[in-house]
Amino acid sequence: MAGNDKDLNLRGGENAGAASPKGRKLLWVVLALVVLGGAGVAWWFLVANEADSAQNAPDAKAPVAEAQEPPESHYLAMQQLLVNFDYQGSMRYVQTEMQLMAHDESVLEAAAHNMPALRNRLIMLLSDQDFAALRTVEGKEALRQAVRQALNQELAERGSGAIDEVYFTSFVLQ
């Protein structure tokens, strides 16, 4: 039986719980790799995802982009226009004063230079209006847009830029 005891010792009998020094080193290396891997995964979820979400969301500490100032507006006053037109068999009049607005001053210089052609275009446009429509706010707004479009068309034919807005500063129907 003594031979059997030796076999038990060789197969891991009494000293089976004691690991060899090589086994212990391997166990520590595996344990270190698991801990380091877990730390790397935790870093990925906590730090890297937070950095991604910080890029997508505005940060209170991030420098605020400077607000751009709106471009400067330039105005050109047109002389008063008095135009007559027929409405249901009677003579009606529209008297208006306008301001042209552009951000590019050269557009207004071109408009001033071509004022006779612009006034002619406006007289033709105004003389073809419906008196009842002009009495409403919607009618006045439609006319304002039509005036801007007519002036821009006239300026485009003369090789100039476009007027940005037209404002009525006086509007009388009679």
N, C-alpha and C. Protein backbone atom coordinates (compact mmCIF):
# COMPACT_ATOMS: atom_id res chain seq x y z
N MET A 1 0.78 -1.18 0.00
CA MET A 1 0.00 0.00 0.00
C MET A 1 0.82 1.25 0.00
N ALA A 2 2.00 1.05 0.40
CA ALA A 2 2.85 2.21 0.42
C ALA A 2 3.00 2.77 -0.97
N GLY A 3 2.98 1.92 -1.95
CA GLY A 3 3.06 2.36 -3.34
C GLY A 3 1.83 3.15 -3.70
N ASN A 4 0.72 2.80 -3.12
CA ASN A 4 -0.53 3.51 -3.41
C ASN A 4 -0.50 4.90 -2.81
N ASP A 5 0.16 5.07 -1.67
CA ASP A 5 0.25 6.40 -1.08
C ASP A 5 1.07 7.32 -1.95
N LYS A 6 2.13 6.77 -2.55
CA LYS A 6 2.94 7.56 -3.44
C LYS A 6 2.12 8.00 -4.64
N ASP A 7 1.32 7.08 -5.13
CA ASP A 7 0.48 7.41 -6.29
C ASP A 7 -0.49 8.53 -5.93
N LEU A 8 -1.01 8.51 -4.71
CA LEU A 8 -1.94 9.56 -4.29
C LEU A 8 -1.23 10.89 -4.24
N ASN A 9 0.02 10.88 -3.74
CA ASN A 9 0.76 12.13 -3.67
C ASN A 9 1.08 12.67 -5.05
N LEU A 10 1.38 11.82 -5.95
CA LEU A 10 1.71 12.26 -7.30
C LEU A 10 0.46 12.75 -8.02
N ARG A 11 -0.65 12.15 -7.73
CA ARG A 11 -1.88 12.52 -8.42
C ARG A 11 -2.59 13.68 -7.73
N GLY A 12 -2.07 14.17 -6.66
CA GLY A 12 -2.67 15.30 -5.98
C GLY A 12 -3.39 14.90 -4.75
N GLY A 13 -2.86 14.05 -3.96
CA GLY A 13 -3.49 13.57 -2.74
C GLY A 13 -3.53 14.65 -1.69
N GLU A 14 -2.67 14.55 -0.68
CA GLU A 14 -2.67 15.45 0.45
C GLU A 14 -2.27 16.87 0.05
N ASN A 15 -1.34 17.05 -0.83
CA ASN A 15 -0.84 18.37 -1.24
C ASN A 15 -1.56 18.89 -2.49
N ALA A 16 -2.72 18.41 -2.75
CA ALA A 16 -3.43 18.82 -3.97
C ALA A 16 -3.82 20.29 -3.92
N GLY A 17 -4.06 20.88 -2.76
CA GLY A 17 -4.46 22.28 -2.64
C GLY A 17 -3.31 23.23 -2.87
N ALA A 18 -2.10 22.80 -2.75
CA ALA A 18 -0.94 23.67 -2.93
C ALA A 18 -0.60 23.74 -4.40
N ALA A 19 -0.53 24.97 -4.95
CA ALA A 19 -0.22 25.14 -6.36
C ALA A 19 1.27 25.33 -6.51
N SER A 20 1.74 25.02 -7.68
CA SER A 20 3.17 25.19 -7.93
C SER A 20 3.46 26.66 -8.16
N PRO A 21 4.69 27.10 -7.99
CA PRO A 21 5.03 28.51 -8.20
C PRO A 21 4.71 28.97 -9.62
N LYS A 22 4.86 28.12 -10.63
CA LYS A 22 4.52 28.49 -12.01
C LYS A 22 3.01 28.71 -12.14
N GLY A 23 2.22 27.90 -11.50
CA GLY A 23 0.77 28.01 -11.53
C GLY A 23 0.30 29.30 -10.86
N ARG A 24 0.97 29.68 -9.79
CA ARG A 24 0.61 30.91 -9.10
C ARG A 24 0.89 32.13 -9.98
N LYS A 25 2.03 32.15 -10.66
CA LYS A 25 2.36 33.26 -11.54
C LYS A 25 1.34 33.37 -12.66
N LEU A 26 0.97 32.24 -13.22
CA LEU A 26 -0.01 32.24 -14.30
C LEU A 26 -1.36 32.75 -13.80
N LEU A 27 -1.73 32.34 -12.61
CA LEU A 27 -2.99 32.81 -12.02
C LEU A 27 -2.95 34.32 -11.81
N TRP A 28 -1.85 34.87 -11.33
CA TRP A 28 -1.73 36.32 -11.14
C TRP A 28 -1.77 37.08 -12.47
N VAL A 29 -1.14 36.53 -13.48
CA VAL A 29 -1.14 37.18 -14.80
C VAL A 29 -2.56 37.21 -15.36
N VAL A 30 -3.27 36.10 -15.27
CA VAL A 30 -4.65 36.04 -15.77
C VAL A 30 -5.53 37.01 -14.97
N LEU A 31 -5.36 37.01 -13.65
CA LEU A 31 -6.14 37.92 -12.80
C LEU A 31 -5.84 39.38 -13.14
N ALA A 32 -4.60 39.73 -13.39
CA ALA A 32 -4.23 41.10 -13.76
C ALA A 32 -4.83 41.48 -15.11
N LEU A 33 -4.82 40.54 -16.05
CA LEU A 33 -5.41 40.82 -17.37
C LEU A 33 -6.92 41.04 -17.26
N VAL A 34 -7.58 40.26 -16.43
CA VAL A 34 -9.03 40.43 -16.24
C VAL A 34 -9.32 41.79 -15.62
N VAL A 35 -8.55 42.18 -14.60
CA VAL A 35 -8.77 43.47 -13.94
C VAL A 35 -8.49 44.62 -14.91
N LEU A 36 -7.39 44.53 -15.64
CA LEU A 36 -7.06 45.58 -16.60
C LEU A 36 -8.10 45.65 -17.72
N GLY A 37 -8.54 44.52 -18.20
CA GLY A 37 -9.58 44.50 -19.24
C GLY A 37 -10.88 45.12 -18.72
N GLY A 38 -11.26 44.78 -17.51
CA GLY A 38 -12.46 45.36 -16.91
C GLY A 38 -12.32 46.86 -16.74
N ALA A 39 -11.15 47.32 -16.34
CA ALA A 39 -10.92 48.76 -16.20
C ALA A 39 -11.00 49.45 -17.56
N GLY A 40 -10.47 48.81 -18.59
CA GLY A 40 -10.55 49.39 -19.93
C GLY A 40 -11.98 49.50 -20.42
N VAL A 41 -12.78 48.46 -20.19
CA VAL A 41 -14.19 48.50 -20.60
C VAL A 41 -14.94 49.56 -19.80
N ALA A 42 -14.67 49.65 -18.50
CA ALA A 42 -15.33 50.67 -17.68
C ALA A 42 -14.95 52.07 -18.16
N TRP A 43 -13.66 52.27 -18.48
CA TRP A 43 -13.23 53.57 -19.00
C TRP A 43 -13.96 53.88 -20.30
N TRP A 44 -14.07 52.90 -21.17
CA TRP A 44 -14.75 53.11 -22.46
C TRP A 44 -16.18 53.59 -22.26
N PHE A 45 -16.92 52.93 -21.38
CA PHE A 45 -18.32 53.29 -21.18
C PHE A 45 -18.47 54.61 -20.42
N LEU A 46 -17.59 54.89 -19.49
CA LEU A 46 -17.74 56.09 -18.68
C LEU A 46 -17.11 57.33 -19.32
N VAL A 47 -15.89 57.22 -19.79
CA VAL A 47 -15.16 58.39 -20.25
C VAL A 47 -15.36 58.62 -21.75
N ALA A 48 -15.18 57.61 -22.56
CA ALA A 48 -15.26 57.79 -24.02
C ALA A 48 -16.68 58.16 -24.44
N ASN A 49 -17.69 57.52 -23.91
CA ASN A 49 -19.07 57.86 -24.27
C ASN A 49 -19.44 59.25 -23.77
N GLU A 50 -18.90 59.63 -22.62
CA GLU A 50 -19.17 60.98 -22.11
C GLU A 50 -18.54 62.02 -23.03
N ALA A 51 -17.35 61.74 -23.55
CA ALA A 51 -16.70 62.66 -24.48
C ALA A 51 -17.50 62.78 -25.76
N ASP A 52 -18.06 61.66 -26.27
CA ASP A 52 -18.88 61.70 -27.47
C ASP A 52 -20.14 62.52 -27.24
N SER A 53 -20.79 62.32 -26.11
CA SER A 53 -22.01 63.08 -25.84
C SER A 53 -21.71 64.54 -25.59
N ALA A 54 -20.53 64.86 -25.08
CA ALA A 54 -20.16 66.26 -24.87
C ALA A 54 -19.94 66.95 -26.20
N GLN A 55 -19.46 66.23 -27.19
CA GLN A 55 -19.27 66.82 -28.51
C GLN A 55 -20.60 67.10 -29.17
N ASN A 56 -21.60 66.26 -28.94
CA ASN A 56 -22.90 66.42 -29.57
C ASN A 56 -23.80 67.41 -28.83
N ALA A 57 -23.55 67.61 -27.55
CA ALA A 57 -24.39 68.53 -26.77
C ALA A 57 -23.58 69.79 -26.47
N PRO A 58 -24.24 70.94 -26.46
CA PRO A 58 -23.50 72.16 -26.14
C PRO A 58 -23.02 72.12 -24.70
N ASP A 59 -21.82 72.59 -24.51
CA ASP A 59 -21.20 72.59 -23.19
C ASP A 59 -21.20 74.01 -22.64
N ALA A 60 -21.53 74.14 -21.39
CA ALA A 60 -21.59 75.47 -20.78
C ALA A 60 -20.20 76.11 -20.75
N LYS A 61 -19.16 75.28 -20.70
CA LYS A 61 -17.81 75.82 -20.65
C LYS A 61 -17.25 76.10 -22.03
N ALA A 62 -17.88 75.57 -23.08
CA ALA A 62 -17.39 75.77 -24.43
C ALA A 62 -17.54 77.24 -24.82
N PRO A 63 -16.59 77.77 -25.56
CA PRO A 63 -16.70 79.18 -25.95
C PRO A 63 -17.89 79.38 -26.88
N VAL A 64 -18.63 80.42 -26.62
CA VAL A 64 -19.82 80.72 -27.40
C VAL A 64 -19.37 81.41 -28.68
N ALA A 65 -19.89 80.94 -29.81
CA ALA A 65 -19.56 81.56 -31.08
C ALA A 65 -20.09 82.99 -31.08
N GLU A 66 -19.29 83.88 -31.57
CA GLU A 66 -19.71 85.28 -31.58
C GLU A 66 -20.89 85.44 -32.52
N ALA A 67 -21.89 86.14 -32.05
CA ALA A 67 -23.07 86.40 -32.88
C ALA A 67 -22.67 87.40 -33.95
N GLN A 68 -23.03 87.06 -35.18
CA GLN A 68 -22.72 87.96 -36.27
C GLN A 68 -23.73 89.08 -36.31
N GLU A 69 -23.22 90.26 -36.51
CA GLU A 69 -24.12 91.40 -36.61
C GLU A 69 -24.81 91.35 -37.96
N PRO A 70 -26.09 91.72 -38.00
CA PRO A 70 -26.76 91.75 -39.29
C PRO A 70 -26.11 92.79 -40.19
N PRO A 71 -26.14 92.56 -41.49
CA PRO A 71 -25.53 93.54 -42.38
C PRO A 71 -26.24 94.88 -42.27
N GLU A 72 -25.49 95.92 -42.53
CA GLU A 72 -26.04 97.27 -42.43
C GLU A 72 -27.08 97.49 -43.52
N SER A 73 -28.17 98.12 -43.15
CA SER A 73 -29.24 98.42 -44.10
C SER A 73 -29.07 99.85 -44.61
N HIS A 74 -29.25 100.00 -45.92
CA HIS A 74 -29.18 101.31 -46.56
C HIS A 74 -30.54 101.59 -47.19
N TYR A 75 -30.96 102.85 -47.16
CA TYR A 75 -32.29 103.22 -47.65
C TYR A 75 -32.19 104.30 -48.73
N LEU A 76 -33.15 104.26 -49.62
CA LEU A 76 -33.30 105.28 -50.65
C LEU A 76 -34.77 105.66 -50.71
N ALA A 77 -35.04 106.95 -50.48
CA ALA A 77 -36.42 107.43 -50.53
C ALA A 77 -36.79 107.72 -51.98
N MET A 78 -37.96 107.25 -52.36
CA MET A 78 -38.48 107.57 -53.69
C MET A 78 -39.42 108.75 -53.56
N GLN A 79 -39.49 109.54 -54.62
CA GLN A 79 -40.43 110.65 -54.62
C GLN A 79 -41.85 110.10 -54.60
N GLN A 80 -42.75 110.93 -54.14
CA GLN A 80 -44.16 110.55 -54.06
C GLN A 80 -44.70 110.18 -55.44
N LEU A 81 -45.51 109.13 -55.47
CA LEU A 81 -46.19 108.71 -56.70
C LEU A 81 -47.69 108.94 -56.52
N LEU A 82 -48.30 109.55 -57.51
CA LEU A 82 -49.74 109.75 -57.53
C LEU A 82 -50.24 109.16 -58.84
N VAL A 83 -51.04 108.10 -58.72
CA VAL A 83 -51.49 107.37 -59.92
C VAL A 83 -53.00 107.26 -59.86
N ASN A 84 -53.65 107.49 -61.02
CA ASN A 84 -55.10 107.33 -61.11
C ASN A 84 -55.41 106.03 -61.84
N PHE A 85 -56.57 105.46 -61.49
CA PHE A 85 -57.04 104.26 -62.17
C PHE A 85 -58.55 104.20 -62.05
N ASP A 86 -59.15 103.44 -62.94
CA ASP A 86 -60.61 103.34 -63.01
C ASP A 86 -61.08 102.21 -62.09
N TYR A 87 -62.12 102.49 -61.30
CA TYR A 87 -62.71 101.47 -60.44
C TYR A 87 -64.23 101.59 -60.54
N GLN A 88 -64.84 100.62 -61.13
CA GLN A 88 -66.29 100.54 -61.31
C GLN A 88 -66.86 101.83 -61.91
N GLY A 89 -66.20 102.31 -62.94
CA GLY A 89 -66.69 103.48 -63.68
C GLY A 89 -66.33 104.81 -63.07
N SER A 90 -65.64 104.86 -61.96
CA SER A 90 -65.24 106.15 -61.38
C SER A 90 -63.72 106.20 -61.26
N MET A 91 -63.19 107.40 -61.26
CA MET A 91 -61.75 107.61 -61.18
C MET A 91 -61.30 107.53 -59.71
N ARG A 92 -60.31 106.70 -59.46
CA ARG A 92 -59.72 106.54 -58.13
C ARG A 92 -58.25 106.89 -58.19
N TYR A 93 -57.68 107.19 -57.04
CA TYR A 93 -56.27 107.58 -56.96
C TYR A 93 -55.58 106.79 -55.85
N VAL A 94 -54.33 106.51 -56.10
CA VAL A 94 -53.46 105.99 -55.05
C VAL A 94 -52.25 106.92 -55.00
N GLN A 95 -51.96 107.37 -53.80
CA GLN A 95 -50.79 108.23 -53.57
C GLN A 95 -49.91 107.49 -52.58
N THR A 96 -48.66 107.31 -52.95
CA THR A 96 -47.77 106.55 -52.08
C THR A 96 -46.36 107.12 -52.08
N GLU A 97 -45.69 106.91 -50.97
CA GLU A 97 -44.26 107.20 -50.83
C GLU A 97 -43.62 105.90 -50.35
N MET A 98 -42.42 105.64 -50.86
CA MET A 98 -41.74 104.38 -50.53
C MET A 98 -40.29 104.62 -50.19
N GLN A 99 -39.75 103.67 -49.43
CA GLN A 99 -38.32 103.61 -49.14
C GLN A 99 -37.83 102.26 -49.66
N LEU A 100 -36.75 102.29 -50.40
CA LEU A 100 -36.12 101.06 -50.87
C LEU A 100 -34.99 100.72 -49.91
N MET A 101 -34.86 99.45 -49.55
CA MET A 101 -33.81 99.03 -48.62
C MET A 101 -32.96 97.96 -49.28
N ALA A 102 -31.65 98.12 -49.12
CA ALA A 102 -30.70 97.11 -49.61
C ALA A 102 -29.52 97.06 -48.65
N HIS A 103 -28.90 95.90 -48.57
CA HIS A 103 -27.72 95.77 -47.73
C HIS A 103 -26.48 96.21 -48.50
N ASP A 104 -26.58 96.17 -49.82
CA ASP A 104 -25.48 96.59 -50.69
C ASP A 104 -25.78 98.00 -51.19
N GLU A 105 -24.97 98.94 -50.78
CA GLU A 105 -25.21 100.34 -51.13
C GLU A 105 -25.14 100.57 -52.64
N SER A 106 -24.38 99.75 -53.35
CA SER A 106 -24.26 99.93 -54.81
C SER A 106 -25.59 99.66 -55.51
N VAL A 107 -26.45 98.82 -54.92
CA VAL A 107 -27.77 98.56 -55.50
C VAL A 107 -28.61 99.83 -55.46
N LEU A 108 -28.54 100.55 -54.35
CA LEU A 108 -29.30 101.80 -54.23
C LEU A 108 -28.72 102.88 -55.14
N GLU A 109 -27.42 102.88 -55.35
CA GLU A 109 -26.82 103.83 -56.29
C GLU A 109 -27.34 103.54 -57.70
N ALA A 110 -27.43 102.27 -58.06
CA ALA A 110 -27.97 101.90 -59.38
C ALA A 110 -29.44 102.28 -59.47
N ALA A 111 -30.19 102.11 -58.39
CA ALA A 111 -31.61 102.48 -58.39
C ALA A 111 -31.76 103.99 -58.57
N ALA A 112 -30.94 104.77 -57.89
CA ALA A 112 -31.01 106.23 -58.02
C ALA A 112 -30.65 106.65 -59.44
N HIS A 113 -29.68 105.98 -60.02
CA HIS A 113 -29.26 106.30 -61.38
C HIS A 113 -30.36 105.96 -62.40
N ASN A 114 -31.11 104.90 -62.13
CA ASN A 114 -32.16 104.44 -63.05
C ASN A 114 -33.56 104.83 -62.57
N MET A 115 -33.68 105.85 -61.76
CA MET A 115 -34.96 106.22 -61.17
C MET A 115 -36.06 106.49 -62.20
N PRO A 116 -35.81 107.14 -63.33
CA PRO A 116 -36.90 107.33 -64.29
C PRO A 116 -37.51 106.01 -64.77
N ALA A 117 -36.68 105.02 -65.04
CA ALA A 117 -37.19 103.71 -65.49
C ALA A 117 -37.94 103.01 -64.36
N LEU A 118 -37.46 103.14 -63.12
CA LEU A 118 -38.13 102.51 -61.98
C LEU A 118 -39.49 103.16 -61.72
N ARG A 119 -39.54 104.48 -61.78
CA ARG A 119 -40.82 105.18 -61.57
C ARG A 119 -41.82 104.80 -62.67
N ASN A 120 -41.36 104.71 -63.90
CA ASN A 120 -42.24 104.30 -65.00
C ASN A 120 -42.83 102.92 -64.73
N ARG A 121 -41.97 101.99 -64.31
CA ARG A 121 -42.43 100.62 -64.03
C ARG A 121 -43.47 100.65 -62.92
N LEU A 122 -43.26 101.47 -61.89
CA LEU A 122 -44.20 101.54 -60.76
C LEU A 122 -45.52 102.20 -61.16
N ILE A 123 -45.47 103.23 -61.97
CA ILE A 123 -46.71 103.87 -62.43
C ILE A 123 -47.56 102.87 -63.20
N MET A 124 -46.94 102.09 -64.06
CA MET A 124 -47.67 101.06 -64.81
C MET A 124 -48.26 100.00 -63.87
N LEU A 125 -47.49 99.62 -62.90
CA LEU A 125 -47.95 98.61 -61.94
C LEU A 125 -49.11 99.15 -61.10
N LEU A 126 -48.97 100.34 -60.57
CA LEU A 126 -50.00 100.91 -59.70
C LEU A 126 -51.30 101.20 -60.46
N SER A 127 -51.19 101.62 -61.70
CA SER A 127 -52.40 101.97 -62.46
C SER A 127 -53.22 100.75 -62.83
N ASP A 128 -52.68 99.56 -62.63
CA ASP A 128 -53.37 98.33 -62.98
C ASP A 128 -53.90 97.59 -61.74
N GLN A 129 -54.01 98.29 -60.60
CA GLN A 129 -54.42 97.64 -59.36
C GLN A 129 -55.94 97.70 -59.16
N ASP A 130 -56.42 96.83 -58.30
CA ASP A 130 -57.84 96.77 -57.94
C ASP A 130 -58.03 97.57 -56.64
N PHE A 131 -58.87 98.57 -56.69
CA PHE A 131 -59.09 99.47 -55.55
C PHE A 131 -59.56 98.69 -54.31
N ALA A 132 -60.49 97.77 -54.49
CA ALA A 132 -61.01 97.00 -53.35
C ALA A 132 -59.91 96.18 -52.70
N ALA A 133 -59.02 95.59 -53.49
CA ALA A 133 -57.94 94.79 -52.93
C ALA A 133 -56.96 95.66 -52.16
N LEU A 134 -56.69 96.87 -52.66
CA LEU A 134 -55.73 97.75 -52.01
C LEU A 134 -56.23 98.27 -50.66
N ARG A 135 -57.52 98.16 -50.42
CA ARG A 135 -58.08 98.62 -49.15
C ARG A 135 -57.78 97.65 -48.01
N THR A 136 -57.36 96.43 -48.33
CA THR A 136 -57.06 95.44 -47.29
C THR A 136 -55.55 95.40 -47.01
N VAL A 137 -55.21 94.91 -45.84
CA VAL A 137 -53.80 94.76 -45.48
C VAL A 137 -53.13 93.75 -46.41
N GLU A 138 -53.86 92.68 -46.71
CA GLU A 138 -53.31 91.66 -47.61
C GLU A 138 -53.03 92.24 -48.99
N GLY A 139 -53.94 93.09 -49.46
CA GLY A 139 -53.76 93.73 -50.77
C GLY A 139 -52.55 94.64 -50.79
N LYS A 140 -52.35 95.39 -49.72
CA LYS A 140 -51.18 96.28 -49.63
C LYS A 140 -49.89 95.46 -49.58
N GLU A 141 -49.92 94.37 -48.82
CA GLU A 141 -48.73 93.51 -48.74
C GLU A 141 -48.43 92.88 -50.09
N ALA A 142 -49.46 92.43 -50.79
CA ALA A 142 -49.26 91.86 -52.13
C ALA A 142 -48.68 92.91 -53.07
N LEU A 143 -49.17 94.14 -52.98
CA LEU A 143 -48.64 95.22 -53.81
C LEU A 143 -47.18 95.50 -53.45
N ARG A 144 -46.86 95.50 -52.18
CA ARG A 144 -45.48 95.73 -51.75
C ARG A 144 -44.53 94.70 -52.35
N GLN A 145 -44.96 93.44 -52.32
CA GLN A 145 -44.14 92.37 -52.91
C GLN A 145 -44.04 92.53 -54.43
N ALA A 146 -45.14 92.92 -55.06
CA ALA A 146 -45.14 93.12 -56.51
C ALA A 146 -44.23 94.28 -56.89
N VAL A 147 -44.23 95.34 -56.08
CA VAL A 147 -43.35 96.49 -56.33
C VAL A 147 -41.90 96.05 -56.23
N ARG A 148 -41.55 95.31 -55.19
CA ARG A 148 -40.16 94.83 -55.03
C ARG A 148 -39.75 93.97 -56.21
N GLN A 149 -40.64 93.08 -56.64
CA GLN A 149 -40.33 92.20 -57.77
C GLN A 149 -40.16 93.02 -59.06
N ALA A 150 -41.04 93.99 -59.29
CA ALA A 150 -40.95 94.82 -60.50
C ALA A 150 -39.66 95.64 -60.51
N LEU A 151 -39.31 96.21 -59.38
CA LEU A 151 -38.08 97.00 -59.31
C LEU A 151 -36.85 96.12 -59.51
N ASN A 152 -36.84 94.94 -58.91
CA ASN A 152 -35.70 94.03 -59.08
C ASN A 152 -35.59 93.54 -60.52
N GLN A 153 -36.71 93.34 -61.16
CA GLN A 153 -36.68 92.93 -62.57
C GLN A 153 -36.09 94.05 -63.43
N GLU A 154 -36.51 95.28 -63.16
CA GLU A 154 -35.98 96.43 -63.90
C GLU A 154 -34.48 96.58 -63.65
N LEU A 155 -34.05 96.45 -62.41
CA LEU A 155 -32.63 96.57 -62.09
C LEU A 155 -31.81 95.42 -62.69
N ALA A 156 -32.38 94.22 -62.71
CA ALA A 156 -31.69 93.07 -63.30
C ALA A 156 -31.48 93.29 -64.80
N GLU A 157 -32.46 93.88 -65.46
CA GLU A 157 -32.32 94.17 -66.90
C GLU A 157 -31.21 95.18 -67.15
N ARG A 158 -30.88 95.95 -66.14
CA ARG A 158 -29.83 96.96 -66.27
C ARG A 158 -28.51 96.50 -65.64
N GLY A 159 -28.45 95.23 -65.24
CA GLY A 159 -27.21 94.65 -64.73
C GLY A 159 -26.88 94.99 -63.29
N SER A 160 -27.89 95.27 -62.50
CA SER A 160 -27.64 95.62 -61.11
C SER A 160 -28.14 94.51 -60.18
N GLY A 161 -27.75 94.63 -58.92
CA GLY A 161 -28.21 93.68 -57.90
C GLY A 161 -29.66 93.94 -57.53
N ALA A 162 -30.10 93.30 -56.47
CA ALA A 162 -31.51 93.34 -56.09
C ALA A 162 -31.73 94.16 -54.82
N ILE A 163 -32.90 94.77 -54.77
CA ILE A 163 -33.36 95.48 -53.58
C ILE A 163 -33.88 94.42 -52.61
N ASP A 164 -33.55 94.56 -51.34
CA ASP A 164 -33.97 93.56 -50.35
C ASP A 164 -35.40 93.77 -49.90
N GLU A 165 -35.82 95.01 -49.69
CA GLU A 165 -37.18 95.29 -49.22
C GLU A 165 -37.68 96.61 -49.77
N VAL A 166 -38.99 96.74 -49.82
CA VAL A 166 -39.66 97.99 -50.16
C VAL A 166 -40.62 98.27 -49.02
N TYR A 167 -40.58 99.49 -48.51
CA TYR A 167 -41.47 99.88 -47.42
C TYR A 167 -42.31 101.07 -47.85
N PHE A 168 -43.62 100.96 -47.63
CA PHE A 168 -44.50 102.10 -47.86
C PHE A 168 -44.37 103.02 -46.65
N THR A 169 -44.04 104.27 -46.89
CA THR A 169 -43.99 105.24 -45.80
C THR A 169 -45.22 106.14 -45.81
N SER A 170 -45.98 106.08 -46.90
CA SER A 170 -47.26 106.78 -47.01
C SER A 170 -48.08 106.02 -48.04
N PHE A 171 -49.38 105.86 -47.76
CA PHE A 171 -50.24 105.12 -48.68
C PHE A 171 -51.66 105.66 -48.52
N VAL A 172 -52.14 106.40 -49.54
CA VAL A 172 -53.44 107.02 -49.48
C VAL A 172 -54.25 106.54 -50.67
N LEU A 173 -55.48 106.07 -50.41
CA LEU A 173 -56.43 105.71 -51.47
C LEU A 173 -57.56 106.72 -51.45
N GLN A 174 -57.99 107.13 -52.62
CA GLN A 174 -59.10 108.07 -52.71
C GLN A 174 -60.00 107.69 -53.87
